[in-house]
Amino acid sequence: MQEHFHFTTDRVKLQKQYASILLFVSAQLSSIQIPLQRRNRHLLKQKDEVIITIHVLGKLLGFTSERAWHRFVIGNLFPKDLFPERSRYNRRCRALSFAIKWIRHQLAKRGQHHAYAVVDSLPIELCHSARMHRVKRFRGIADIGYCASKRITFYGWKLHLQVTDQGLPMGYVVTEASCHDRVAAETVMTQIPHPYNLGDKGYISQKLQKKLYEEHRVAFWTPVRKNQRIRQSDAWKQWMKRKRKVVETVFSILVDSYRITEIRARCSETRYSH
């Protein structure tokens, strides 16, 4: 679908998106004090802020192929002689990774002005369940865990994510699959603290809630279990359930557009004939 995306693209809308991102990137890039050490600076076809803007725009449009995105840029935003070739463009993106992280952090800080934030986790499988006990890839930094919401046992990692009520990611951490949500909760919510946070039953812990409020002034609300003495009204439960849907929407985008949970198994028995 991405290969034919340029036939249906509104170029006026695309140019407006590009201009708005470029304005934000240029303002943030001027505050970074670490200059890039590069030779032949006078031969650059585009400035750093343009390269970063193009990179960010590609992620927002959902492109997962570097080749397809570069082809799209050449066909819709820049002529071929005014934009770096694909390999050079990719190298410059990697060289500017520190600036991209800085800009992402500055953008995430805007989430502090939103009404509330939601915390949740997403399992990232690295192999199928039949191979989880004999897989050797990432052994030591990935392990076997259980996802209660999906009721699956998997081998891999777990993405812990904090998003605002408008779906803006603020904090994240990737842990081994066996890491409980409560263990990673403090790390996620204190990267860019938001005063009001919501979580599911996996985060129930009075000790955690007390620590977050006393040390970081972060209020953290979760549903209650049936065996707890605390009682919550049905209206509160429905409100919290409705407000927490935003993080599920963000996870759906990550899964559908960026395919972060897609299993790319490699068979070691494959042989190529010459």
Protein backbone atom coordinates (compact mmCIF):
# COMPACT_ATOMS: atom_id res chain seq x y z
CA MET A 1 0.00 0.00 0.00
CA GLN A 2 2.88 2.35 0.82
CA GLU A 3 4.36 1.85 -2.64
CA HIS A 4 1.21 3.41 -4.19
CA PHE A 5 0.79 6.02 -1.46
CA HIS A 6 1.99 8.87 -3.68
CA PHE A 7 -0.97 8.47 -6.04
CA THR A 8 -3.46 9.47 -3.36
CA THR A 9 -1.33 11.92 -1.34
CA ASP A 10 -2.58 15.46 -0.86
CA ARG A 11 0.66 17.34 -1.51
CA VAL A 12 -0.65 20.58 -0.05
CA LYS A 13 -1.48 18.84 3.23
CA LEU A 14 1.85 17.04 3.15
CA GLN A 15 3.74 20.32 2.69
CA LYS A 16 1.87 21.84 5.65
CA GLN A 17 2.81 18.87 7.83
CA TYR A 18 6.41 19.17 6.73
CA ALA A 19 6.50 22.92 7.42
CA SER A 20 5.02 22.61 10.91
CA ILE A 21 7.47 19.86 11.92
CA LEU A 22 10.40 21.77 10.42
CA LEU A 23 9.48 24.86 12.47
CA PHE A 24 9.47 22.85 15.70
CA VAL A 25 12.68 20.95 14.87
CA SER A 26 14.57 24.13 13.93
CA ALA A 27 13.61 25.76 17.24
CA GLN A 28 14.73 22.76 19.28
CA LEU A 29 17.89 22.06 17.32
CA SER A 30 19.26 25.52 18.04
CA SER A 31 19.38 24.70 21.78
CA ILE A 32 21.61 21.62 21.34
CA GLN A 33 25.20 22.52 22.14
CA ILE A 34 26.85 19.41 20.63
CA PRO A 35 27.83 20.13 17.01
CA LEU A 36 28.34 17.30 14.56
CA GLN A 37 31.95 16.79 13.49
CA ARG A 38 31.81 16.16 9.77
CA ARG A 39 33.98 16.80 6.73
CA ASN A 40 32.87 18.38 3.47
CA ARG A 41 30.11 20.32 5.18
CA HIS A 42 29.84 22.58 2.16
CA LEU A 43 28.77 19.60 0.01
CA LEU A 44 25.64 18.83 2.06
CA LYS A 45 22.47 18.92 -0.02
CA GLN A 46 20.18 19.57 2.96
CA LYS A 47 20.65 20.90 6.49
CA ASP A 48 20.37 18.77 9.61
CA GLU A 49 16.95 20.12 10.55
CA VAL A 50 15.58 19.07 7.14
CA ILE A 51 16.94 15.52 7.53
CA ILE A 52 15.45 15.21 11.02
CA THR A 53 12.11 16.59 9.84
CA ILE A 54 11.95 14.12 6.96
CA HIS A 55 12.80 11.27 9.35
CA VAL A 56 10.08 12.27 11.84
CA LEU A 57 7.51 12.80 9.07
CA GLY A 58 8.16 9.31 7.73
CA LYS A 59 7.46 7.79 11.14
CA LEU A 60 4.26 9.81 11.50
CA LEU A 61 3.04 8.61 8.11
CA GLY A 62 3.65 5.00 9.13
CA PHE A 63 6.46 4.03 6.74
CA THR A 64 8.42 1.00 7.94
CA SER A 65 10.64 0.58 4.87
CA GLU A 66 13.57 2.99 4.48
CA ARG A 67 13.67 2.32 0.75
CA ALA A 68 9.96 3.04 0.28
CA TRP A 69 10.14 6.23 2.35
CA HIS A 70 13.16 7.58 0.45
CA ARG A 71 11.38 6.87 -2.84
CA PHE A 72 8.31 8.69 -1.52
CA VAL A 73 10.35 11.76 -0.49
CA ILE A 74 12.02 11.98 -3.90
CA GLY A 75 8.65 11.75 -5.64
CA ASN A 76 6.69 14.17 -3.46
CA LEU A 77 8.87 16.56 -1.43
CA PHE A 78 12.29 17.03 -3.04
CA PRO A 79 13.75 16.52 -6.50
CA LYS A 80 16.40 13.84 -6.74
CA ASP A 81 19.32 16.25 -7.22
CA LEU A 82 18.44 18.24 -4.07
CA PHE A 83 18.15 15.34 -1.62
CA PRO A 84 20.82 12.86 -0.43
CA GLU A 85 20.86 9.36 -1.86
CA ARG A 86 19.28 6.66 0.25
CA SER A 87 22.44 5.26 1.87
CA ARG A 88 23.77 8.73 2.74
CA TYR A 89 20.37 9.81 4.08
CA ASN A 90 20.24 6.75 6.36
CA ARG A 91 23.79 7.40 7.62
CA ARG A 92 22.93 11.00 8.45
CA CYS A 93 19.81 9.88 10.32
CA ARG A 94 21.94 7.56 12.45
CA ALA A 95 24.50 10.32 13.04
CA LEU A 96 21.70 12.65 14.17
CA SER A 97 20.15 10.10 16.54
CA PHE A 98 21.17 12.13 19.61
CA ALA A 99 19.32 15.17 18.22
CA ILE A 100 16.25 13.08 17.37
CA LYS A 101 16.15 11.75 20.95
CA TRP A 102 16.45 15.29 22.31
CA ILE A 103 13.57 16.49 20.15
CA ARG A 104 11.43 13.51 21.14
CA HIS A 105 12.10 14.33 24.81
CA GLN A 106 11.14 17.98 24.33
CA LEU A 107 7.97 16.96 22.51
CA ALA A 108 7.07 14.49 25.26
CA LYS A 109 7.44 17.21 27.90
CA ARG A 110 4.40 18.91 26.37
CA GLY A 111 2.35 16.02 27.72
CA GLN A 112 2.71 17.46 31.23
CA HIS A 113 0.07 20.03 30.27
CA HIS A 114 -2.49 17.37 29.28
CA ALA A 115 -5.28 16.28 31.61
CA TYR A 116 -3.87 12.89 32.62
CA ALA A 117 -1.58 10.02 31.57
CA VAL A 118 -2.15 6.28 31.20
CA VAL A 119 0.36 3.49 31.86
CA ASP A 120 0.23 -0.02 30.39
CA SER A 121 2.47 -2.76 29.00
CA LEU A 122 2.65 -4.68 25.73
CA PRO A 123 4.25 -8.14 25.24
CA ILE A 124 6.81 -8.38 22.43
CA GLU A 125 7.28 -11.98 21.31
CA LEU A 126 10.59 -13.00 19.75
CA CYS A 127 9.59 -16.53 18.75
CA HIS A 128 6.59 -18.83 18.64
CA SER A 129 5.54 -20.63 21.80
CA ALA A 130 6.76 -23.99 20.49
CA ARG A 131 10.36 -22.72 20.41
CA MET A 132 10.45 -20.66 23.61
CA HIS A 133 12.24 -23.32 25.70
CA ARG A 134 15.06 -23.91 23.20
CA VAL A 135 15.57 -20.53 21.58
CA LYS A 136 19.06 -19.03 21.95
CA ARG A 137 18.51 -15.56 20.52
CA PHE A 138 18.81 -12.75 23.13
CA ARG A 139 19.29 -15.32 25.88
CA GLY A 140 20.18 -13.38 29.02
CA ILE A 141 18.31 -10.18 28.15
CA ALA A 142 14.99 -11.81 27.20
CA ASP A 143 13.08 -14.52 29.02
CA ILE A 144 9.70 -16.21 29.43
CA GLY A 145 6.79 -14.22 30.87
CA TYR A 146 3.02 -14.27 31.14
CA CYS A 147 0.56 -11.69 29.81
CA ALA A 148 -2.62 -11.77 31.90
CA SER A 149 -4.71 -9.62 29.54
CA LYS A 150 -4.01 -11.85 26.53
CA ARG A 151 -3.63 -15.02 28.61
CA ILE A 152 -0.48 -16.11 26.83
CA THR A 153 2.97 -17.28 27.88
CA PHE A 154 5.67 -15.89 25.62
CA TYR A 155 9.42 -15.50 25.20
CA GLY A 156 10.73 -12.00 24.59
CA TRP A 157 10.43 -8.54 26.07
CA LYS A 158 7.79 -6.27 27.50
CA LEU A 159 7.22 -2.65 26.50
CA HIS A 160 6.04 -0.41 29.34
CA LEU A 161 4.57 2.83 28.01
CA GLN A 162 3.08 6.03 29.42
CA VAL A 163 0.86 8.11 27.11
CA THR A 164 -1.26 11.21 27.62
CA ASP A 165 -5.02 11.47 27.16
CA GLN A 166 -4.31 12.52 23.54
CA GLY A 167 -2.03 9.55 22.80
CA LEU A 168 1.31 11.38 23.12
CA PRO A 169 4.05 8.99 24.43
CA MET A 170 5.90 10.41 27.44
CA GLY A 171 7.92 7.67 29.11
CA TYR A 172 8.83 4.11 28.14
CA VAL A 173 11.10 1.25 29.13
CA VAL A 174 11.73 -2.19 27.61
CA THR A 175 12.27 -5.02 30.08
CA GLU A 176 12.47 -8.80 30.03
CA ALA A 177 9.13 -10.58 29.70
CA SER A 178 9.09 -11.74 33.33
CA CYS A 179 9.31 -8.19 34.72
CA HIS A 180 6.10 -7.30 36.57
CA ASP A 181 4.31 -4.08 35.65
CA ARG A 182 4.70 -2.74 39.20
CA VAL A 183 8.49 -3.06 39.02
CA ALA A 184 8.79 -0.92 35.88
CA ALA A 185 6.01 1.53 36.77
CA GLU A 186 8.19 3.98 38.73
CA THR A 187 10.85 4.11 36.00
CA VAL A 188 8.24 4.83 33.33
CA MET A 189 6.27 7.47 35.22
CA THR A 190 9.26 9.42 36.56
CA GLN A 191 11.00 10.04 33.21
CA ILE A 192 8.66 12.97 32.56
CA PRO A 193 6.38 13.02 35.62
CA HIS A 194 2.70 13.76 35.11
CA PRO A 195 0.66 14.66 38.23
CA TYR A 196 -2.26 12.33 37.36
CA ASN A 197 -1.87 8.76 36.09
CA LEU A 198 -4.18 5.79 35.46
CA GLY A 199 -3.31 2.10 35.35
CA ASP A 200 -4.97 -1.31 35.25
CA LYS A 201 -5.16 -4.00 37.92
CA GLY A 202 -1.62 -5.14 37.17
CA TYR A 203 -0.33 -2.01 38.91
CA ILE A 204 -2.26 -2.39 42.18
CA SER A 205 0.14 -1.61 45.02
CA GLN A 206 -0.44 0.75 47.91
CA LYS A 207 3.30 0.87 48.51
CA LEU A 208 3.93 1.99 44.93
CA GLN A 209 1.18 4.62 45.05
CA LYS A 210 2.52 6.03 48.32
CA LYS A 211 6.10 6.18 47.04
CA LEU A 212 5.11 7.89 43.79
CA TYR A 213 3.16 10.57 45.61
CA GLU A 214 5.66 11.22 48.42
CA GLU A 215 8.80 11.29 46.27
CA HIS A 216 7.53 12.58 42.92
CA ARG A 217 4.11 14.13 43.67
CA VAL A 218 2.52 11.71 41.21
CA ALA A 219 -1.04 10.53 41.89
CA PHE A 220 -1.65 7.01 40.55
CA TRP A 221 -5.12 5.44 40.39
CA THR A 222 -5.96 1.82 39.57
CA PRO A 223 -9.11 -0.33 39.73
CA VAL A 224 -9.56 -2.49 42.81
CA ARG A 225 -9.88 -6.23 43.13
CA LYS A 226 -12.97 -7.90 44.51
CA ASN A 227 -11.17 -9.03 47.68
CA GLN A 228 -10.06 -5.49 48.59
CA ARG A 229 -11.84 -3.46 51.26
CA ILE A 230 -11.86 -0.35 49.08
CA ARG A 231 -15.08 0.09 47.13
CA GLN A 232 -15.39 2.08 43.91
CA SER A 233 -18.62 3.21 42.31
CA ASP A 234 -19.74 1.76 38.98
CA ALA A 235 -19.56 5.25 37.45
CA TRP A 236 -15.89 5.54 38.47
CA LYS A 237 -15.07 2.12 37.05
CA GLN A 238 -16.71 2.95 33.73
CA TRP A 239 -14.97 6.33 33.58
CA MET A 240 -11.55 4.80 34.22
CA LYS A 241 -12.15 2.02 31.69
CA ARG A 242 -13.15 4.57 29.06
CA LYS A 243 -10.17 6.84 29.73
CA ARG A 244 -7.68 3.97 29.60
CA LYS A 245 -8.67 3.06 26.03
CA VAL A 246 -6.23 5.63 24.65
CA VAL A 247 -3.21 3.48 25.47
CA GLU A 248 -4.80 0.51 23.71
CA THR A 249 -5.21 2.71 20.63
CA VAL A 250 -1.52 3.63 20.75
CA PHE A 251 -0.56 -0.04 21.07
CA SER A 252 -2.77 -0.85 18.07
CA ILE A 253 -0.90 1.75 16.00
CA LEU A 254 2.47 0.32 17.06
CA VAL A 255 1.34 -3.19 16.17
CA ASP A 256 -0.50 -2.45 12.91
CA SER A 257 1.65 0.33 11.45
CA TYR A 258 5.10 -0.46 12.86
CA ARG A 259 4.68 -4.22 13.36
CA ILE A 260 6.69 -4.26 16.59
CA THR A 261 5.15 -7.59 17.66
CA GLU A 262 5.68 -9.34 14.33
CA ILE A 263 7.76 -12.49 14.73
CA ARG A 264 10.61 -12.74 12.24
CA ALA A 265 11.91 -16.24 12.94
CA ARG A 266 15.11 -17.34 11.21
CA CYS A 267 15.67 -20.97 10.37
CA SER A 268 19.28 -22.03 11.03
CA GLU A 269 18.85 -25.09 8.80
CA THR A 270 18.31 -23.07 5.66
CA ARG A 271 20.96 -23.75 3.04
CA TYR A 272 21.62 -21.95 -0.19
CA SER A 273 22.76 -23.87 -3.24
CA HIS A 274 25.32 -22.38 -5.55
